[in-house]
Protein backbone atom coordinates (compact mmCIF):
# COMPACT_ATOMS: atom_id res chain seq x y z
CA ASN A 1 -103.61 -31.98 -33.90
CA ARG A 2 -103.77 -29.84 -37.43
CA LEU A 3 -106.91 -28.13 -38.03
CA LYS A 4 -108.23 -29.10 -41.68
CA MET A 5 -108.55 -26.04 -44.16
CA GLU A 6 -112.59 -25.27 -44.07
CA ASP A 7 -112.87 -22.26 -45.85
CA ASP A 8 -114.63 -22.38 -49.37
CA ALA A 9 -111.33 -21.25 -51.69
CA PRO A 10 -110.70 -22.55 -54.57
CA VAL A 11 -107.65 -24.68 -55.50
CA ILE A 12 -106.27 -24.29 -58.97
CA TYR A 13 -104.03 -26.18 -60.91
CA GLY A 14 -102.83 -25.19 -64.48
CA LEU A 15 -102.38 -27.91 -67.26
CA GLU A 16 -99.70 -26.42 -69.57
CA PHE A 17 -101.73 -27.34 -72.42
CA GLN A 18 -104.89 -26.87 -73.71
CA ALA A 19 -107.81 -28.99 -72.73
CA ARG A 20 -111.91 -29.40 -72.45
CA ALA A 21 -111.95 -33.30 -71.47
CA LEU A 22 -112.81 -33.78 -67.87
CA THR A 23 -113.97 -36.58 -65.43
CA ALA A 24 -114.19 -37.65 -62.27
CA GLN A 25 -112.70 -41.11 -61.56
CA THR A 26 -116.52 -43.02 -60.70
CA ALA A 27 -114.70 -46.17 -59.66
CA GLU A 28 -112.80 -44.39 -56.96
CA THR A 29 -114.83 -43.60 -54.25
CA ASP A 30 -111.80 -42.87 -51.69
CA ALA A 31 -109.61 -40.33 -53.35
CA ILE A 32 -110.58 -37.61 -54.64
CA ARG A 33 -109.30 -38.06 -58.23
CA PHE A 34 -110.02 -36.36 -61.73
CA LEU A 35 -108.84 -37.10 -65.17
CA VAL A 36 -108.19 -34.78 -67.57
CA GLY A 37 -107.14 -34.94 -71.31
CA THR A 38 -104.97 -32.44 -73.51
CA GLN A 39 -105.50 -30.92 -76.53
CA SER A 40 -102.19 -30.22 -78.24
CA LEU A 41 -101.90 -29.83 -81.49
CA LYS A 42 -97.91 -29.47 -81.42
CA PHE A 43 -96.76 -32.36 -78.54
CA ASP A 44 -97.91 -35.35 -77.41
CA ASN A 45 -101.44 -35.50 -75.15
CA GLN A 46 -101.74 -36.33 -72.06
CA ILE A 47 -103.99 -37.40 -68.89
CA HIS A 48 -103.50 -36.10 -65.72
CA ILE A 49 -104.26 -37.44 -63.26
CA ILE A 50 -105.34 -35.02 -60.42
CA ASP A 51 -106.04 -36.10 -56.85
CA PHE A 52 -107.31 -33.44 -54.24
CA ASP A 53 -105.95 -33.87 -51.08
CA ASP A 54 -108.44 -32.24 -48.80
CA GLU A 55 -106.92 -32.32 -45.08
CA ASN A 56 -104.56 -29.92 -46.90
CA ASN A 57 -105.97 -28.40 -49.68
CA ILE A 58 -103.17 -29.15 -52.01
CA ILE A 59 -103.29 -30.92 -55.68
CA ASN A 60 -101.04 -33.85 -56.54
CA LYS A 61 -100.64 -34.82 -60.15
CA ASN A 62 -99.58 -37.57 -62.48
CA VAL A 63 -98.77 -37.71 -66.05
CA LEU A 64 -99.53 -40.64 -68.77
CA LEU A 65 -98.60 -40.06 -72.41
CA HIS A 66 -101.78 -40.30 -74.73
CA GLN A 67 -99.44 -40.44 -78.12
CA ALA A 68 -103.12 -40.78 -80.59
CA GLY A 69 -103.75 -37.42 -80.18
CA GLU A 70 -105.83 -34.40 -79.03
CA ILE A 71 -108.33 -35.52 -76.61
CA TRP A 72 -111.63 -34.23 -77.04
CA HIS A 73 -113.91 -36.42 -75.28
CA ILE A 74 -113.20 -38.97 -71.87
CA GLY A 75 -114.22 -41.10 -69.69
CA ALA A 76 -113.84 -43.16 -66.88
CA SER A 77 -114.59 -47.38 -66.24
CA PRO A 78 -117.78 -47.41 -63.64
CA ALA A 79 -115.70 -50.92 -62.27
CA ASP A 80 -111.96 -50.03 -63.12
CA LYS A 81 -109.80 -47.57 -61.82
CA ALA A 82 -107.33 -48.35 -64.21
CA VAL A 83 -109.94 -48.44 -66.91
CA LEU A 84 -110.69 -44.66 -69.16
CA THR A 85 -112.20 -44.40 -72.38
CA THR A 86 -110.77 -41.45 -74.84
CA CYS A 87 -112.20 -39.72 -78.00
CA TYR A 88 -109.50 -38.41 -80.09
CA ASN A 89 -109.00 -36.56 -83.22
CA LYS A 90 -105.80 -38.40 -85.80
CA THR A 91 -105.09 -37.20 -88.46
CA SER A 92 -105.14 -39.81 -91.58
CA ASP A 93 -104.39 -39.44 -95.11
CA SER A 94 -104.58 -35.65 -94.21
CA ARG A 95 -107.65 -35.42 -93.25
CA VAL A 96 -108.44 -35.19 -89.57
CA VAL A 97 -110.74 -37.92 -88.28
CA SER A 98 -112.48 -38.94 -84.78
CA CYS A 99 -111.37 -42.35 -83.19
CA ALA A 100 -112.36 -43.84 -79.48
CA ALA A 101 -110.44 -46.32 -77.94
CA VAL A 102 -110.44 -48.02 -74.43
CA TRP A 103 -107.05 -47.61 -72.62
CA ARG A 104 -105.38 -48.92 -69.21
CA MET A 105 -103.36 -46.61 -67.24
CA PRO A 106 -99.95 -48.26 -66.08
CA SER A 107 -100.02 -50.79 -62.84
CA ASP A 108 -97.13 -48.32 -61.42
CA TRP A 109 -98.75 -45.00 -62.66
CA ASP A 110 -98.32 -43.74 -59.05
CA THR A 111 -94.95 -44.58 -58.74
CA GLY A 112 -93.63 -41.28 -59.96
CA ASN A 113 -93.63 -40.36 -56.59
CA HIS A 114 -95.75 -37.22 -55.91
CA GLU A 115 -92.30 -35.96 -53.83
CA SER A 116 -90.84 -35.51 -56.80
CA PRO A 117 -93.06 -33.98 -58.96
CA ASP A 118 -90.05 -33.19 -61.43
CA ASP A 119 -89.52 -36.78 -62.75
CA SER A 120 -92.49 -38.34 -63.31
CA ALA A 121 -92.75 -34.65 -65.71
CA HIS A 122 -90.01 -35.94 -67.93
CA ASN A 123 -90.47 -39.58 -67.73
CA PRO A 124 -93.81 -39.80 -68.06
CA GLN A 125 -95.52 -43.43 -68.56
CA THR A 126 -97.89 -43.98 -71.30
CA LEU A 127 -101.20 -45.52 -71.35
CA GLU A 128 -101.76 -48.91 -72.72
CA LEU A 129 -104.17 -49.20 -75.63
CA LEU A 130 -107.04 -52.46 -74.52
CA CYS A 131 -109.13 -51.46 -78.39
CA HIS A 132 -110.57 -49.34 -80.11
CA LEU A 133 -113.80 -48.48 -80.18
CA ASP A 134 -113.82 -47.58 -83.99
CA ASP A 135 -116.07 -48.82 -86.97
CA SER A 136 -114.67 -47.06 -89.91
CA ALA A 137 -117.92 -47.22 -91.35
CA HIS A 138 -120.27 -45.41 -88.56
CA GLY A 139 -118.20 -42.06 -89.17
CA ASN A 140 -116.20 -39.57 -86.41
CA ALA A 141 -116.98 -40.94 -82.93
CA ALA A 142 -118.41 -37.93 -80.26
CA CYS A 143 -118.20 -39.47 -77.35
CA VAL A 144 -118.20 -42.86 -75.18
CA LEU A 145 -120.76 -43.41 -72.81
CA TRP A 146 -120.81 -46.09 -69.94
CA GLU A 147 -122.75 -48.26 -68.36
CA PRO A 148 -123.98 -46.19 -65.23
CA MET A 149 -123.44 -48.43 -61.94
CA GLY A 150 -122.25 -51.47 -64.25
CA ASP A 151 -119.87 -53.97 -64.84
CA GLY A 152 -117.16 -51.74 -66.97
CA LYS A 153 -118.43 -54.35 -69.40
CA ARG A 154 -120.62 -52.03 -71.93
CA VAL A 155 -120.16 -48.77 -73.27
CA ILE A 156 -121.80 -46.89 -76.25
CA SER A 157 -120.09 -44.22 -78.15
CA LEU A 158 -121.60 -42.02 -80.55
CA ALA A 159 -120.14 -41.32 -83.94
CA ASP A 160 -122.22 -39.32 -86.94
CA ASN A 161 -125.35 -40.52 -86.92
CA HIS A 162 -124.85 -43.92 -85.07
CA ALA A 163 -124.97 -44.95 -81.29
CA LEU A 164 -123.23 -48.72 -81.10
CA LEU A 165 -123.68 -51.00 -78.02
CA TRP A 166 -120.17 -52.30 -77.73
CA ASP A 167 -119.96 -55.44 -75.53
CA LEU A 168 -116.02 -55.57 -73.96
CA GLN A 169 -114.64 -58.95 -73.44
CA GLU A 170 -112.18 -60.79 -71.82
CA SER A 171 -110.09 -57.27 -69.72
CA SER A 172 -111.17 -54.92 -71.79
CA THR A 173 -109.07 -56.12 -74.53
CA GLN A 174 -111.68 -56.76 -77.66
CA ALA A 175 -114.59 -55.22 -78.22
CA THR A 176 -117.94 -55.77 -80.08
CA VAL A 177 -121.08 -53.91 -81.35
CA SER A 178 -124.23 -55.35 -80.03
CA SER A 179 -126.59 -53.47 -81.88
CA THR A 180 -126.61 -50.22 -83.03
CA ALA A 181 -129.42 -47.95 -83.21
CA THR A 182 -129.01 -44.89 -86.49
CA LEU A 183 -130.76 -41.23 -86.43
CA GLU A 184 -132.61 -41.23 -89.40
CA GLY A 185 -133.98 -37.65 -91.47
CA LYS A 186 -132.90 -35.47 -93.86
CA GLY A 187 -129.94 -33.73 -94.00
CA GLN A 188 -126.25 -34.25 -92.41
CA LEU A 189 -127.58 -35.91 -89.24
CA LYS A 190 -125.04 -35.62 -85.80
CA PHE A 191 -125.27 -36.59 -82.21
CA THR A 192 -123.01 -33.75 -80.18
CA SER A 193 -123.93 -35.36 -76.89
CA GLY A 194 -125.28 -38.30 -74.97
CA LYS A 195 -126.04 -39.78 -71.65
CA TRP A 196 -126.60 -43.19 -70.62
CA SER A 197 -130.01 -43.26 -68.43
CA PRO A 198 -128.89 -44.39 -64.59
CA HIS A 199 -132.93 -45.72 -64.06
CA HIS A 200 -135.03 -48.21 -65.97
CA ASN A 201 -132.08 -50.57 -65.50
CA CYS A 202 -129.96 -48.81 -67.80
CA SER A 203 -132.21 -49.88 -70.60
CA GLN A 204 -132.54 -46.07 -71.92
CA LEU A 205 -130.13 -43.45 -73.47
CA ALA A 206 -130.64 -39.92 -74.40
CA THR A 207 -129.03 -38.59 -77.07
CA ALA A 208 -128.67 -34.96 -78.64
CA ASN A 209 -128.35 -33.84 -81.83
CA ASP A 210 -128.94 -30.41 -83.38
CA THR A 211 -131.79 -28.72 -81.25
CA ALA A 212 -133.19 -32.02 -80.57
CA ILE A 213 -133.18 -34.21 -78.07
CA ARG A 214 -134.14 -37.78 -78.14
CA GLY A 215 -135.04 -40.72 -76.52
CA TRP A 216 -133.83 -44.70 -77.39
CA ASP A 217 -134.82 -47.96 -75.69
CA LEU A 218 -131.52 -50.18 -75.42
CA ARG A 219 -133.63 -53.31 -75.57
CA THR A 220 -134.71 -52.83 -78.56
CA MET A 221 -132.82 -49.65 -80.18
CA SER A 222 -135.45 -47.21 -81.13
CA GLN A 223 -136.68 -43.69 -80.26
CA ILE A 224 -139.11 -43.41 -77.00
CA TYR A 225 -139.38 -39.97 -77.50
CA CYS A 226 -138.47 -36.66 -78.99
CA ILE A 227 -138.03 -33.11 -77.87
CA GLU A 228 -137.81 -31.54 -81.19
CA ASN A 229 -136.89 -27.76 -80.54
CA ALA A 230 -135.69 -28.25 -76.89
CA HIS A 231 -132.96 -25.33 -77.42
CA GLY A 232 -133.38 -22.75 -80.27
CA GLN A 233 -129.48 -23.78 -80.97
CA LEU A 234 -127.49 -26.49 -80.66
CA VAL A 235 -127.95 -28.74 -77.52
CA ARG A 236 -124.41 -29.53 -75.68
CA ASP A 237 -124.72 -31.63 -73.05
CA LEU A 238 -127.28 -33.63 -71.17
CA ASP A 239 -127.90 -35.41 -67.41
CA PHE A 240 -130.11 -37.15 -65.80
CA ASN A 241 -131.47 -36.75 -62.07
CA PRO A 242 -129.84 -39.25 -60.41
CA ASN A 243 -133.02 -39.76 -57.61
CA ARG A 244 -136.18 -38.66 -60.64
CA GLN A 245 -135.86 -41.12 -63.27
CA TYR A 246 -138.02 -39.25 -65.37
CA TYR A 247 -136.00 -35.71 -64.79
CA LEU A 248 -133.43 -34.90 -67.89
CA ALA A 249 -131.27 -31.70 -67.88
CA SER A 250 -129.80 -30.34 -71.03
CA CYS A 251 -128.28 -26.77 -72.16
CA GLY A 252 -127.05 -25.39 -75.03
CA ASP A 253 -125.74 -22.68 -77.19
CA ASP A 254 -128.68 -20.36 -76.53
CA CYS A 255 -127.55 -19.96 -73.07
CA LYS A 256 -130.11 -21.47 -71.54
CA VAL A 257 -130.21 -24.90 -69.34
CA LYS A 258 -133.62 -26.73 -69.47
CA PHE A 259 -135.13 -29.50 -67.14
CA TRP A 260 -137.43 -32.14 -68.95
CA ASP A 261 -139.79 -34.47 -67.56
CA VAL A 262 -139.20 -36.82 -70.48
CA ARG A 263 -143.14 -37.87 -69.93
CA ASN A 264 -144.73 -34.86 -71.17
CA VAL A 265 -142.26 -32.86 -73.19
CA GLN A 266 -144.19 -29.95 -74.90
CA GLU A 267 -142.80 -27.58 -72.28
CA PRO A 268 -139.11 -27.62 -70.03
CA VAL A 269 -140.42 -27.77 -66.34
CA LYS A 270 -138.02 -25.39 -65.56
CA THR A 271 -136.07 -23.26 -67.59
CA LEU A 272 -132.27 -21.42 -66.15
CA GLU A 273 -130.98 -17.96 -67.85
CA GLU A 274 -127.87 -17.71 -65.92
CA HIS A 275 -125.28 -17.60 -68.02
CA SER A 276 -124.69 -14.72 -70.83
CA HIS A 277 -123.02 -17.36 -73.82
CA TRP A 278 -123.28 -20.96 -75.03
CA VAL A 279 -123.83 -23.66 -71.78
CA TRP A 280 -121.24 -26.64 -72.25
CA SER A 281 -121.98 -29.01 -69.62
CA VAL A 282 -125.11 -29.16 -66.64
CA ARG A 283 -124.24 -31.91 -63.91
CA TYR A 284 -126.70 -32.71 -60.98
CA ASN A 285 -125.23 -33.45 -57.81
CA HIS A 286 -125.09 -37.04 -57.64
CA SER A 287 -126.47 -37.58 -53.74
CA HIS A 288 -128.05 -33.99 -53.31
CA ASP A 289 -129.98 -33.78 -56.93
CA GLN A 290 -131.40 -30.36 -56.42
CA LEU A 291 -127.48 -28.78 -56.29
CA VAL A 292 -126.94 -28.65 -60.14
CA LEU A 293 -123.74 -26.88 -61.80
CA THR A 294 -123.47 -25.42 -65.43
CA ALA A 295 -120.30 -24.07 -67.60
CA SER A 296 -120.52 -21.81 -70.39
CA SER A 297 -117.91 -20.17 -72.61
CA ASP A 298 -118.89 -16.55 -70.21
CA SER A 299 -116.12 -18.35 -68.54
CA ARG A 300 -118.13 -18.35 -65.56
CA LEU A 301 -119.76 -21.79 -63.38
CA ILE A 302 -123.05 -21.38 -62.17
CA LEU A 303 -124.33 -23.72 -58.69
CA SER A 304 -128.00 -23.13 -58.35
CA ASN A 305 -129.84 -25.28 -55.90
CA MET A 306 -133.31 -26.37 -57.94
CA VAL A 307 -135.25 -27.66 -55.18
CA SER A 308 -138.34 -27.15 -56.00
CA ILE A 309 -137.33 -30.35 -58.81
CA SER A 310 -135.76 -32.21 -56.74
CA SER A 311 -136.25 -35.11 -54.95
CA GLU A 312 -137.16 -33.33 -51.83
CA PRO A 313 -139.03 -30.52 -52.99
CA PHE A 314 -140.27 -29.31 -49.19
CA GLY A 315 -137.01 -29.95 -48.14
CA HIS A 316 -135.62 -32.06 -45.21
CA LEU A 317 -139.00 -34.21 -44.01
CA VAL A 318 -138.83 -34.43 -40.60
CA ASP A 319 -139.95 -37.68 -39.02
CA ASP A 320 -142.39 -37.65 -36.48
CA ASP A 321 -140.57 -39.65 -33.93
CA GLU A 322 -137.93 -37.22 -34.08
CA LEU A 323 -140.04 -34.61 -33.14
CA SER A 324 -140.03 -34.35 -29.32
CA GLU A 325 -143.37 -34.23 -27.47
CA GLY A 326 -144.10 -30.66 -27.32
CA GLU A 327 -142.93 -29.56 -30.48
CA ASP A 328 -145.54 -31.98 -32.49
CA ASN A 329 -148.55 -28.51 -32.33
CA HIS A 330 -145.79 -26.09 -34.93
CA GLN A 331 -144.32 -28.69 -37.42
CA ASP A 332 -143.06 -26.25 -39.06
CA ASP A 333 -145.77 -24.90 -41.48
CA LYS A 334 -143.18 -24.24 -43.86
CA SER A 335 -142.35 -27.96 -44.44
CA LYS A 336 -145.23 -27.94 -46.77
CA GLU A 337 -144.25 -24.97 -48.90
CA PRO A 338 -141.25 -25.50 -51.90
CA LEU A 339 -138.34 -24.04 -50.97
CA LYS A 340 -137.44 -21.28 -53.76
CA ASP A 341 -135.18 -22.23 -56.64
CA SER A 342 -131.69 -19.77 -56.61
CA VAL A 343 -128.29 -19.36 -57.79
CA VAL A 344 -125.65 -20.23 -54.82
CA SER A 345 -123.09 -18.76 -56.56
CA THR A 346 -121.55 -17.83 -59.53
CA TYR A 347 -117.36 -18.52 -59.82
CA GLU A 348 -115.46 -16.96 -61.85
CA GLU A 349 -111.67 -18.07 -61.39
CA HIS A 350 -111.54 -18.96 -64.90
CA GLU A 351 -110.55 -16.25 -68.02
CA ASP A 352 -111.45 -18.98 -71.01
CA SER A 353 -114.82 -20.69 -71.71
CA VAL A 354 -115.21 -23.55 -69.29
CA TYR A 355 -116.03 -26.73 -71.29
CA ALA A 356 -116.92 -29.13 -68.58
CA ALA A 357 -117.77 -29.50 -65.02
CA GLU A 358 -118.12 -32.81 -62.33
CA TRP A 359 -118.46 -33.34 -59.32
CA SER A 360 -116.27 -35.99 -57.01
CA SER A 361 -116.97 -39.36 -56.72
CA ALA A 362 -115.76 -39.63 -53.47
CA ASP A 363 -117.09 -36.25 -52.13
CA PRO A 364 -120.46 -34.82 -52.74
CA TRP A 365 -119.92 -30.82 -52.09
CA LEU A 366 -116.52 -31.17 -53.96
CA PHE A 367 -116.23 -29.92 -58.13
CA ALA A 368 -113.92 -29.63 -60.33
CA SER A 369 -114.41 -27.02 -63.40
CA LEU A 370 -111.82 -26.79 -67.00
CA SER A 371 -111.49 -24.03 -69.07
CA TYR A 372 -109.77 -23.92 -72.34
CA ASP A 373 -106.92 -22.30 -71.35
CA GLY A 374 -105.92 -25.38 -69.54
CA ARG A 375 -107.09 -24.02 -66.02
CA LEU A 376 -108.43 -26.68 -63.27
CA VAL A 377 -110.44 -25.18 -60.03
CA ILE A 378 -111.82 -27.02 -57.42
CA ASN A 379 -114.18 -25.34 -55.11
CA ARG A 380 -116.43 -27.34 -52.53
CA VAL A 381 -120.29 -25.88 -52.27
CA PRO A 382 -120.64 -23.30 -49.71
CA ARG A 383 -120.30 -24.11 -45.77
CA ALA A 384 -124.04 -22.50 -45.20
CA LEU A 385 -125.95 -24.13 -48.31
CA LYS A 386 -124.25 -27.51 -46.91
CA TYR A 387 -125.44 -27.52 -43.45
CA ARG A 388 -129.04 -26.05 -44.76
CA ILE A 389 -129.26 -29.24 -47.21
CA LEU A 390 -127.58 -31.70 -44.18
CA LEU A 391 -129.37 -30.37 -40.92
């Protein structure tokens, strides 16, 4: 019986191209799998399918060609492991346009057997285009968001100042716009990012443009809240707390990470100021919402334990019947005191801007980060903290 490697050492994988797009494969809950999209001006771009074998602490990869252009954003269908979306740049009439599309992996993508990784690298298969999510009337696509927990039939694309809700028909080979919302106001307004809320029957969307964060009701496509100067500079990313329906995290170029209760948007509930440069990505852990990952151009990834605003601010609450007879009297007074927020770890394995961080869909204690030089690092939540949360 082989001993499993139980250290918290990072595992590093280097792509030969620059990259900034990373997602966990949401529909895959057994294997630990991430998708990375490359940004190369000179060569055909690629999607790297990264499988992490945590028994042996090694990474297996497969490469698929994405000939459409350099990838700025990638999203995985929540319902179908083979389907993904990308936002990519292509040159048309000597100007660069940003497009969005839905793709399917070839059914035998993993026959490029892990045994001989060289073969699959020399002769990679190509993604199959299912449909474009482009409506030239609506400008440049910034990102595509899948309906959380959905059946893979609805996506939202953010393009310039439009949010478009698409219905994907018959195995995603056709997409029709079912409704749209438009940013109104002075100047060239543009969405930079957005997040589809998993709460309220998936009827709400949060978007970022400039320094503002807005909430939208997707049933009426109308604005429901606006945080005017959420950050001192551009807002880069948003994420909803998976367990507390009104809590939203944001990060931006003012080096800050902020946590909001969208019922009262005057002030953030909490602000983190641990990064020394732009913060590109913020992600709540799907199972333990006190764990928050942030990635920044300071080349660092930070894991914070935001217990005071989590769904278990007093730690694990002990049921009466869990306590044995004699313990009743001193059921920890500390369970009445909220635990303290803290930075758990700062990860310094990157040497370039860290553009993305994602939690695994299959293992709640594992996460990946990607820096612009094409370095992907897989890390685990420190064991001591994991046991403190679980026990």
